[in-house]
N, C-alpha and C. Protein backbone atom coordinates (compact mmCIF):
# COMPACT_ATOMS: atom_id res chain seq x y z
N MET A 1 -12.86 7.18 -3.59
CA MET A 1 -12.97 6.44 -4.83
C MET A 1 -13.61 5.08 -4.61
N GLY A 2 -13.00 4.25 -3.78
CA GLY A 2 -13.60 2.97 -3.46
C GLY A 2 -13.20 1.80 -4.33
N CYS A 3 -12.46 2.03 -5.43
CA CYS A 3 -12.08 0.94 -6.30
C CYS A 3 -10.68 1.21 -6.86
N LEU A 4 -9.79 0.27 -6.70
CA LEU A 4 -8.44 0.44 -7.20
C LEU A 4 -8.42 0.63 -8.71
N ASP A 5 -9.33 0.00 -9.42
CA ASP A 5 -9.36 0.12 -10.88
C ASP A 5 -9.62 1.54 -11.36
N LYS A 6 -10.15 2.39 -10.50
CA LYS A 6 -10.42 3.78 -10.87
C LYS A 6 -9.20 4.68 -10.66
N LEU A 7 -8.11 4.11 -10.11
CA LEU A 7 -6.89 4.87 -9.85
C LEU A 7 -5.85 4.58 -10.91
N PRO A 8 -4.96 5.54 -11.17
CA PRO A 8 -3.85 5.29 -12.10
C PRO A 8 -2.72 4.55 -11.38
N TYR A 9 -2.87 3.26 -11.22
CA TYR A 9 -1.91 2.48 -10.45
C TYR A 9 -0.93 1.73 -11.35
N GLU A 10 0.20 1.36 -10.73
CA GLU A 10 1.20 0.54 -11.41
C GLU A 10 1.44 -0.69 -10.56
N ILE A 11 1.51 -1.85 -11.17
CA ILE A 11 1.77 -3.09 -10.43
C ILE A 11 3.27 -3.31 -10.33
N ILE A 12 3.75 -3.52 -9.11
CA ILE A 12 5.17 -3.78 -8.87
C ILE A 12 5.41 -5.28 -8.74
N LEU A 13 4.58 -5.97 -7.94
CA LEU A 13 4.66 -7.43 -7.79
C LEU A 13 3.27 -8.02 -8.01
N ARG A 14 3.22 -9.15 -8.67
CA ARG A 14 1.95 -9.84 -8.93
C ARG A 14 1.88 -11.14 -8.13
N HIS A 15 0.68 -11.51 -7.73
CA HIS A 15 0.43 -12.80 -7.07
C HIS A 15 1.49 -13.08 -6.01
N THR A 16 1.53 -12.23 -5.02
CA THR A 16 2.55 -12.28 -3.99
C THR A 16 1.89 -12.45 -2.62
N SER A 17 2.68 -12.47 -1.57
CA SER A 17 2.16 -12.56 -0.21
C SER A 17 2.44 -11.26 0.52
N PHE A 18 1.79 -11.08 1.65
CA PHE A 18 2.04 -9.88 2.44
C PHE A 18 3.46 -9.88 2.99
N ALA A 19 3.99 -11.05 3.33
CA ALA A 19 5.37 -11.14 3.81
C ALA A 19 6.35 -10.74 2.70
N GLU A 20 6.10 -11.17 1.48
CA GLU A 20 6.95 -10.80 0.36
C GLU A 20 6.87 -9.29 0.09
N CYS A 21 5.68 -8.74 0.20
CA CYS A 21 5.51 -7.29 0.03
C CYS A 21 6.31 -6.54 1.09
N ARG A 22 6.21 -6.99 2.35
CA ARG A 22 6.92 -6.36 3.46
C ARG A 22 8.43 -6.35 3.19
N GLU A 23 8.96 -7.49 2.78
CA GLU A 23 10.39 -7.61 2.51
C GLU A 23 10.82 -6.72 1.35
N TYR A 24 10.03 -6.69 0.30
CA TYR A 24 10.33 -5.84 -0.85
C TYR A 24 10.37 -4.37 -0.43
N LEU A 25 9.39 -3.96 0.35
CA LEU A 25 9.34 -2.57 0.80
C LEU A 25 10.54 -2.23 1.68
N LYS A 26 10.91 -3.13 2.60
CA LYS A 26 12.06 -2.89 3.48
C LYS A 26 13.35 -2.73 2.68
N LYS A 27 13.50 -3.52 1.63
CA LYS A 27 14.73 -3.50 0.84
C LYS A 27 14.80 -2.32 -0.13
N ASN A 28 13.66 -1.78 -0.53
CA ASN A 28 13.65 -0.80 -1.62
C ASN A 28 13.20 0.61 -1.25
N PHE A 29 12.70 0.81 -0.03
CA PHE A 29 12.18 2.13 0.34
C PHE A 29 12.60 2.50 1.75
N ARG A 30 12.80 3.78 1.97
CA ARG A 30 13.23 4.25 3.29
C ARG A 30 12.06 4.71 4.16
N GLU A 31 11.03 5.26 3.56
CA GLU A 31 9.90 5.79 4.32
C GLU A 31 8.82 4.72 4.42
N LEU A 32 8.85 3.95 5.53
CA LEU A 32 7.95 2.82 5.72
C LEU A 32 6.92 3.10 6.81
N TYR A 33 5.75 2.56 6.64
CA TYR A 33 4.67 2.69 7.61
C TYR A 33 4.04 1.32 7.82
N THR A 34 3.50 1.10 8.99
CA THR A 34 2.78 -0.13 9.30
C THR A 34 1.35 0.25 9.65
N VAL A 35 0.40 -0.42 9.01
CA VAL A 35 -1.01 -0.14 9.25
C VAL A 35 -1.74 -1.44 9.60
N ALA A 36 -2.87 -1.30 10.21
CA ALA A 36 -3.68 -2.46 10.58
C ALA A 36 -4.57 -2.88 9.41
N PRO A 37 -4.95 -4.14 9.36
CA PRO A 37 -5.93 -4.56 8.34
C PRO A 37 -7.18 -3.68 8.45
N GLY A 38 -7.72 -3.32 7.31
CA GLY A 38 -8.89 -2.45 7.29
C GLY A 38 -8.54 -0.99 7.09
N TYR A 39 -7.25 -0.65 7.18
CA TYR A 39 -6.82 0.73 6.97
C TYR A 39 -7.25 1.19 5.58
N LYS A 40 -7.74 2.42 5.47
CA LYS A 40 -8.25 2.92 4.18
C LYS A 40 -7.21 3.79 3.48
N ILE A 41 -6.98 3.46 2.22
CA ILE A 41 -6.18 4.28 1.32
C ILE A 41 -7.05 4.53 0.11
N PHE A 42 -7.26 5.78 -0.25
CA PHE A 42 -8.12 6.13 -1.38
C PHE A 42 -9.53 5.55 -1.22
N ASP A 43 -10.03 5.48 -0.01
CA ASP A 43 -11.34 4.89 0.28
C ASP A 43 -11.41 3.41 -0.06
N VAL A 44 -10.26 2.76 -0.13
CA VAL A 44 -10.18 1.32 -0.36
C VAL A 44 -9.60 0.71 0.92
N HIS A 45 -10.27 -0.28 1.49
CA HIS A 45 -9.77 -0.94 2.69
C HIS A 45 -8.72 -1.97 2.31
N ILE A 46 -7.58 -1.91 3.01
CA ILE A 46 -6.54 -2.92 2.81
C ILE A 46 -6.88 -4.11 3.69
N ILE A 47 -6.95 -5.27 3.08
CA ILE A 47 -7.18 -6.49 3.85
C ILE A 47 -5.93 -7.34 3.75
N GLY A 48 -5.65 -8.10 4.79
CA GLY A 48 -4.49 -8.96 4.74
C GLY A 48 -3.98 -9.36 6.10
N VAL A 49 -2.82 -10.00 6.09
CA VAL A 49 -2.20 -10.53 7.29
C VAL A 49 -1.30 -9.45 7.90
N PRO A 50 -1.56 -9.09 9.16
CA PRO A 50 -0.73 -8.06 9.79
C PRO A 50 0.67 -8.60 10.14
N PRO A 51 1.65 -7.76 10.26
CA PRO A 51 1.57 -6.32 10.04
C PRO A 51 1.58 -6.01 8.54
N ILE A 52 0.81 -5.02 8.14
CA ILE A 52 0.75 -4.61 6.75
C ILE A 52 1.64 -3.38 6.58
N SER A 53 2.62 -3.51 5.71
CA SER A 53 3.55 -2.41 5.47
C SER A 53 3.18 -1.68 4.19
N LEU A 54 3.47 -0.38 4.20
CA LEU A 54 3.36 0.42 2.99
C LEU A 54 4.51 1.40 3.01
N ALA A 55 4.82 1.96 1.85
CA ALA A 55 5.92 2.90 1.74
C ALA A 55 5.44 4.13 0.98
N ILE A 56 6.16 5.22 1.21
CA ILE A 56 5.91 6.44 0.45
C ILE A 56 7.25 6.93 -0.07
N GLU A 57 7.27 7.25 -1.34
CA GLU A 57 8.46 7.82 -1.97
C GLU A 57 8.00 9.06 -2.73
N GLY A 58 8.38 10.22 -2.24
CA GLY A 58 7.86 11.46 -2.82
C GLY A 58 6.37 11.53 -2.55
N ASN A 59 5.57 11.54 -3.60
CA ASN A 59 4.11 11.53 -3.46
C ASN A 59 3.51 10.21 -3.90
N THR A 60 4.34 9.19 -4.05
CA THR A 60 3.87 7.88 -4.48
C THR A 60 3.73 6.95 -3.29
N ILE A 61 2.56 6.32 -3.19
CA ILE A 61 2.28 5.37 -2.12
C ILE A 61 2.40 3.98 -2.70
N ILE A 62 3.16 3.11 -2.03
CA ILE A 62 3.35 1.74 -2.47
C ILE A 62 2.74 0.85 -1.40
N PHE A 63 1.77 0.02 -1.79
CA PHE A 63 1.05 -0.77 -0.78
C PHE A 63 0.55 -2.09 -1.38
N PRO A 64 0.36 -3.10 -0.51
CA PRO A 64 -0.21 -4.36 -0.98
C PRO A 64 -1.72 -4.22 -1.11
N PHE A 65 -2.25 -4.86 -2.12
CA PHE A 65 -3.69 -4.80 -2.33
C PHE A 65 -4.17 -6.17 -2.79
N THR A 66 -5.20 -6.67 -2.12
CA THR A 66 -5.77 -7.96 -2.48
C THR A 66 -7.07 -7.74 -3.23
N LYS A 67 -7.12 -8.28 -4.44
CA LYS A 67 -8.34 -8.25 -5.24
C LYS A 67 -8.96 -9.64 -5.12
N PRO A 68 -10.16 -9.74 -4.57
CA PRO A 68 -10.81 -11.04 -4.46
C PRO A 68 -10.79 -11.78 -5.80
N CYS A 69 -10.47 -13.04 -5.73
CA CYS A 69 -10.39 -13.93 -6.91
C CYS A 69 -9.17 -13.67 -7.79
N HIS A 70 -8.34 -12.67 -7.44
CA HIS A 70 -7.16 -12.38 -8.26
C HIS A 70 -5.86 -12.46 -7.47
N GLY A 71 -5.92 -12.37 -6.15
CA GLY A 71 -4.72 -12.46 -5.33
C GLY A 71 -4.22 -11.11 -4.86
N THR A 72 -3.01 -11.15 -4.30
CA THR A 72 -2.40 -9.95 -3.71
C THR A 72 -1.34 -9.40 -4.66
N PHE A 73 -1.35 -8.07 -4.78
CA PHE A 73 -0.41 -7.36 -5.63
C PHE A 73 0.24 -6.25 -4.82
N LEU A 74 1.46 -5.89 -5.15
CA LEU A 74 2.07 -4.69 -4.60
C LEU A 74 1.93 -3.62 -5.67
N VAL A 75 1.25 -2.54 -5.33
CA VAL A 75 0.94 -1.51 -6.32
C VAL A 75 1.46 -0.15 -5.86
N SER A 76 1.60 0.75 -6.81
CA SER A 76 1.98 2.12 -6.48
C SER A 76 0.99 3.08 -7.14
N VAL A 77 0.68 4.15 -6.40
CA VAL A 77 -0.22 5.19 -6.89
C VAL A 77 0.35 6.52 -6.44
N GLU A 78 0.47 7.44 -7.38
CA GLU A 78 0.95 8.77 -7.03
C GLU A 78 -0.23 9.67 -6.67
N ASP A 79 -0.17 10.25 -5.47
CA ASP A 79 -1.22 11.15 -5.02
C ASP A 79 -0.70 11.95 -3.83
N GLU A 80 -0.43 13.22 -4.03
CA GLU A 80 0.15 14.06 -3.00
C GLU A 80 -0.75 14.19 -1.77
N GLU A 81 -2.03 14.37 -1.98
CA GLU A 81 -2.97 14.54 -0.86
C GLU A 81 -3.02 13.30 0.03
N GLU A 82 -3.09 12.13 -0.58
CA GLU A 82 -3.17 10.89 0.20
C GLU A 82 -1.84 10.61 0.90
N ALA A 83 -0.73 10.88 0.25
CA ALA A 83 0.58 10.69 0.88
C ALA A 83 0.73 11.59 2.10
N THR A 84 0.28 12.83 1.97
CA THR A 84 0.32 13.77 3.09
C THR A 84 -0.56 13.29 4.24
N ARG A 85 -1.74 12.79 3.93
CA ARG A 85 -2.65 12.30 4.97
C ARG A 85 -2.02 11.13 5.74
N ILE A 86 -1.43 10.20 5.03
CA ILE A 86 -0.80 9.05 5.69
C ILE A 86 0.35 9.51 6.58
N ARG A 87 1.16 10.41 6.09
CA ARG A 87 2.27 10.93 6.90
C ARG A 87 1.76 11.60 8.17
N LYS A 88 0.70 12.37 8.05
CA LYS A 88 0.15 13.09 9.22
C LYS A 88 -0.43 12.13 10.25
N GLU A 89 -0.91 10.99 9.82
CA GLU A 89 -1.47 10.03 10.77
C GLU A 89 -0.39 9.31 11.58
N ASN A 90 0.87 9.57 11.20
CA ASN A 90 2.02 9.13 12.00
C ASN A 90 2.10 7.64 12.23
N TYR A 91 1.93 6.86 11.18
CA TYR A 91 2.10 5.41 11.27
C TYR A 91 3.55 4.99 11.02
N LYS A 92 4.45 5.97 10.90
CA LYS A 92 5.83 5.66 10.52
C LYS A 92 6.48 4.71 11.52
N LYS A 93 7.18 3.72 10.98
CA LYS A 93 7.91 2.75 11.81
C LYS A 93 9.39 2.83 11.53
């Protein structure tokens, strides 16, 4: 896809930091993964301060996303194929 706006996403946190996203994910989700900056989700590169955490609940991926000129958001997108791919890459922490 290449653009978050083309996905059916939901915003969980607005104008936040990567540390705040990490803490929110730790407190609210059990299936956590750590990825490096530049990791691709839905053909969108995640940029930010490492370590970058993301979570999966069922088929929903919850991850921080920075939109230039708009800041960092914690968003969720439901997609079974992408959730399966992330799980298979074994980034689980």
